[in-house]
Amino acid sequence: DLQRQGERGELLQPLTFVLLVLCSVLLYLRLSLMDPGFVKPEEEAEVYPFRNSSVKMRRCGYCMVKQPLRAKHCQQCQHCVRRYDHHCPWIQNCIGERNHPLFIAYLSLQLALLLWAARVAWSGLSFEESWDWLQHNIFLIISFLLIVIFTTVVLLLLVSHLYLISCNTTTWEFMSQHRISYLRHSELENPFDQGVVLNLWRFFC
């Protein structure tokens, strides 16, 4: 499809696709190299207004910094990360307070590119019931199936993150609620939830 457009001189769509791929690569590098919100030793721990006074601020047992609420020490990065979400093996960096919105933008861009690539791959298939056709199109079929798998994974990841953001919780808090002191001792199931609209506004804006 893109090749035919290029041959006809209609270069807007192919150029747009290439620019999106370039943006995706730049976003990936930015996410991989940026500070996700490492806690600095000189920073004081934040105090959150909890009804239950049994929630105590603590020092990290690994890097000995005062941990703000919602921070967690990452064993791979060897740092405490503010509003720790998870350590992403694909970008070899933590997802935290500073780069979480950028991570959502990256996933959204990846999903758009994968859907576009799936449409392009599908447009190249003209089905025939013959062994020769299968031999000539096997790589295109495999590519399409791989794109479908990756699209499903990225879509599920994006939807799950958007759901957690709408609840103002992190992946770590969602998965380990019973082990986190400030959630275990809180009277509320999620003391950070301020309603979907305000949660989304505070995260993205």
Protein backbone atom coordinates (compact mmCIF):
# COMPACT_ATOMS: atom_id res chain seq x y z
CA ASP A 1 0.00 0.00 0.00
CA LEU A 2 2.75 2.47 0.99
CA GLN A 3 4.87 1.32 -1.97
CA ARG A 4 2.03 1.96 -4.43
CA GLN A 5 1.48 5.43 -2.94
CA GLY A 6 5.19 6.17 -3.32
CA GLU A 7 5.12 5.06 -6.96
CA ARG A 8 2.15 7.38 -7.62
CA GLY A 9 4.01 10.28 -5.99
CA GLU A 10 1.69 10.38 -2.97
CA LEU A 11 4.40 10.67 -0.36
CA LEU A 12 2.45 12.25 2.51
CA GLN A 13 1.38 8.98 4.14
CA PRO A 14 4.75 7.18 3.78
CA LEU A 15 6.57 10.26 5.14
CA THR A 16 4.12 10.51 8.04
CA PHE A 17 4.71 6.83 8.84
CA VAL A 18 8.51 7.29 8.76
CA LEU A 19 8.26 10.42 10.96
CA LEU A 20 6.13 8.53 13.49
CA VAL A 21 8.70 5.71 13.57
CA LEU A 22 11.45 8.30 14.13
CA CYS A 23 9.45 9.92 16.95
CA SER A 24 8.96 6.47 18.46
CA VAL A 25 12.73 5.81 18.45
CA LEU A 26 13.44 9.24 19.99
CA LEU A 27 10.81 8.65 22.69
CA TYR A 28 12.34 5.26 23.43
CA LEU A 29 15.82 6.80 23.85
CA ARG A 30 14.40 9.60 26.01
CA LEU A 31 12.61 7.12 28.28
CA SER A 32 15.68 4.90 28.52
CA LEU A 33 18.07 7.69 29.48
CA MET A 34 15.98 10.10 31.57
CA ASP A 35 15.75 10.34 35.35
CA PRO A 36 12.41 8.72 36.30
CA GLY A 37 12.29 10.63 39.59
CA PHE A 38 15.21 9.38 41.67
CA VAL A 39 15.06 10.50 45.30
CA LYS A 40 18.02 12.74 46.14
CA PRO A 41 19.74 12.31 49.53
CA GLU A 42 19.24 15.99 50.42
CA GLU A 43 15.47 15.88 49.85
CA GLU A 44 13.16 15.64 52.82
CA ALA A 45 10.34 13.12 52.84
CA GLU A 46 6.89 14.44 52.02
CA VAL A 47 4.10 14.19 54.57
CA TYR A 48 0.68 13.08 53.37
CA PRO A 49 -2.41 13.91 55.43
CA PHE A 50 -3.48 10.43 56.51
CA ARG A 51 -6.24 9.92 59.02
CA ASN A 52 -4.34 7.05 60.56
CA SER A 53 -1.25 8.37 62.36
CA SER A 54 0.36 4.91 62.51
CA VAL A 55 1.82 5.46 59.00
CA LYS A 56 5.48 6.35 59.54
CA MET A 57 7.97 7.80 57.09
CA ARG A 58 11.08 5.64 56.83
CA ARG A 59 14.61 5.50 55.51
CA CYS A 60 15.44 3.18 52.65
CA GLY A 61 17.39 0.16 53.88
CA TYR A 62 19.51 0.14 50.70
CA CYS A 63 20.47 3.74 49.86
CA MET A 64 19.59 5.26 53.28
CA VAL A 65 17.64 8.23 51.88
CA LYS A 66 14.39 9.42 53.47
CA GLN A 67 11.71 7.82 51.34
CA PRO A 68 8.79 10.03 50.27
CA LEU A 69 5.39 8.38 50.31
CA ARG A 70 4.83 6.16 47.24
CA ALA A 71 8.58 5.87 46.59
CA LYS A 72 10.26 2.48 46.28
CA HIS A 73 13.83 1.30 45.94
CA CYS A 74 14.56 -0.33 42.58
CA GLN A 75 17.11 -3.15 42.78
CA GLN A 76 18.02 -2.84 39.09
CA CYS A 77 18.57 0.95 39.13
CA GLN A 78 19.97 1.00 42.69
CA HIS A 79 17.91 4.13 43.51
CA CYS A 80 14.69 5.04 45.25
CA VAL A 81 12.15 6.29 42.70
CA ARG A 82 9.34 8.76 43.43
CA ARG A 83 5.84 7.45 42.70
CA TYR A 84 7.41 4.19 41.57
CA ASP A 85 5.29 2.28 39.05
CA HIS A 86 7.55 -0.52 37.78
CA HIS A 87 10.95 -1.27 36.28
CA CYS A 88 10.48 -1.75 32.54
CA PRO A 89 12.83 -4.38 31.08
CA TRP A 90 12.18 -3.13 27.52
CA ILE A 91 13.63 0.33 28.19
CA GLN A 92 15.97 -0.76 31.02
CA ASN A 93 14.72 2.04 33.25
CA CYS A 94 12.15 2.64 35.97
CA ILE A 95 8.78 4.18 35.29
CA GLY A 96 8.20 6.77 37.98
CA GLU A 97 6.94 10.25 38.75
CA ARG A 98 8.85 12.10 36.00
CA ASN A 99 8.59 9.75 33.02
CA HIS A 100 5.24 7.98 33.54
CA PRO A 101 3.26 10.42 31.31
CA LEU A 102 5.95 10.07 28.62
CA PHE A 103 5.63 6.27 28.91
CA ILE A 104 1.88 6.54 28.22
CA ALA A 105 2.63 8.74 25.18
CA TYR A 106 5.17 6.15 23.99
CA LEU A 107 2.66 3.29 24.33
CA SER A 108 0.00 5.32 22.48
CA LEU A 109 2.41 6.05 19.63
CA GLN A 110 3.44 2.39 19.47
CA LEU A 111 -0.21 1.32 19.28
CA ALA A 112 -0.91 3.79 16.44
CA LEU A 113 2.14 2.57 14.50
CA LEU A 114 1.27 -1.10 15.01
CA LEU A 115 -2.32 -0.60 13.85
CA TRP A 116 -1.07 1.26 10.78
CA ALA A 117 1.53 -1.46 10.08
CA ALA A 118 -1.16 -4.15 10.46
CA ARG A 119 -3.33 -2.38 7.87
CA VAL A 120 -0.37 -2.06 5.48
CA ALA A 121 0.59 -5.74 5.93
CA TRP A 122 -3.03 -6.83 5.40
CA SER A 123 -3.31 -4.75 2.22
CA GLY A 124 -0.35 -6.68 0.76
CA LEU A 125 -2.13 -10.03 1.11
CA SER A 126 -4.28 -11.24 -1.80
CA PHE A 127 -5.47 -14.69 -0.76
CA GLU A 128 -5.27 -17.64 -3.12
CA GLU A 129 -5.64 -21.35 -2.41
CA SER A 130 -2.29 -22.57 -3.69
CA TRP A 131 1.03 -23.74 -2.26
CA ASP A 132 2.95 -21.26 -4.44
CA TRP A 133 0.97 -18.36 -3.00
CA LEU A 134 1.76 -19.50 0.55
CA GLN A 135 5.48 -19.83 -0.24
CA HIS A 136 5.63 -16.33 -1.73
CA ASN A 137 3.64 -14.71 1.12
CA ILE A 138 4.91 -16.63 4.17
CA PHE A 139 7.05 -13.74 5.48
CA LEU A 140 4.19 -11.27 5.07
CA ILE A 141 1.81 -13.63 6.91
CA ILE A 142 4.32 -14.13 9.76
CA SER A 143 4.87 -10.36 9.93
CA PHE A 144 1.13 -9.75 10.14
CA LEU A 145 0.69 -12.34 12.92
CA LEU A 146 3.59 -10.84 14.90
CA ILE A 147 2.11 -7.35 14.50
CA VAL A 148 -1.25 -8.64 15.79
CA ILE A 149 0.46 -10.19 18.87
CA PHE A 150 2.46 -7.02 19.62
CA THR A 151 -0.66 -4.86 19.10
CA THR A 152 -2.60 -6.96 21.60
CA VAL A 153 0.20 -6.71 24.19
CA VAL A 154 0.60 -2.93 23.78
CA LEU A 155 -3.19 -2.37 23.85
CA LEU A 156 -3.59 -4.38 27.07
CA LEU A 157 -0.63 -2.58 28.65
CA LEU A 158 -1.98 0.86 27.69
CA VAL A 159 -5.52 0.10 28.88
CA SER A 160 -4.28 -1.29 32.22
CA HIS A 161 -2.07 1.78 32.80
CA LEU A 162 -4.88 4.19 31.94
CA TYR A 163 -7.18 2.34 34.35
CA LEU A 164 -4.62 2.57 37.17
CA ILE A 165 -4.00 6.27 36.41
CA SER A 166 -7.76 6.94 36.54
CA CYS A 167 -7.72 5.39 40.05
CA ASN A 168 -4.53 7.28 41.03
CA THR A 169 -2.66 4.12 41.87
CA THR A 170 0.54 2.57 40.52
CA THR A 171 1.31 -0.92 39.26
CA TRP A 172 3.44 -1.56 42.34
CA GLU A 173 0.66 -0.38 44.72
CA PHE A 174 -1.95 -2.40 42.83
CA MET A 175 0.10 -5.62 42.89
CA SER A 176 1.53 -5.28 46.44
CA GLN A 177 -1.19 -3.46 48.37
CA HIS A 178 -1.10 -5.97 51.26
CA ARG A 179 2.67 -5.41 51.74
CA ILE A 180 2.78 -1.59 51.58
CA SER A 181 2.55 -0.01 55.04
CA TYR A 182 0.83 3.25 54.05
CA LEU A 183 -1.92 1.28 52.25
CA ARG A 184 -2.18 -1.55 54.77
CA HIS A 185 -2.69 0.91 57.66
CA SER A 186 -4.96 3.32 55.81
CA GLU A 187 -8.66 3.48 56.60
CA LEU A 188 -9.37 4.00 52.88
CA GLU A 189 -8.80 1.33 50.24
CA ASN A 190 -7.04 3.92 48.08
CA PRO A 191 -6.24 7.13 50.00
CA PHE A 192 -4.91 8.87 46.86
CA ASP A 193 -8.07 8.51 44.74
CA GLN A 194 -9.67 11.93 44.10
CA GLY A 195 -12.10 10.94 41.36
CA VAL A 196 -11.40 9.95 37.75
CA VAL A 197 -11.37 13.47 36.27
CA LEU A 198 -9.07 14.96 38.90
CA ASN A 199 -6.80 11.89 38.86
CA LEU A 200 -6.35 12.16 35.08
CA TRP A 201 -5.92 15.95 35.24
CA ARG A 202 -3.21 15.76 37.91
CA PHE A 203 -1.36 12.98 36.08
CA PHE A 204 -1.31 14.51 32.60
CA CYS A 205 -1.42 18.21 33.44
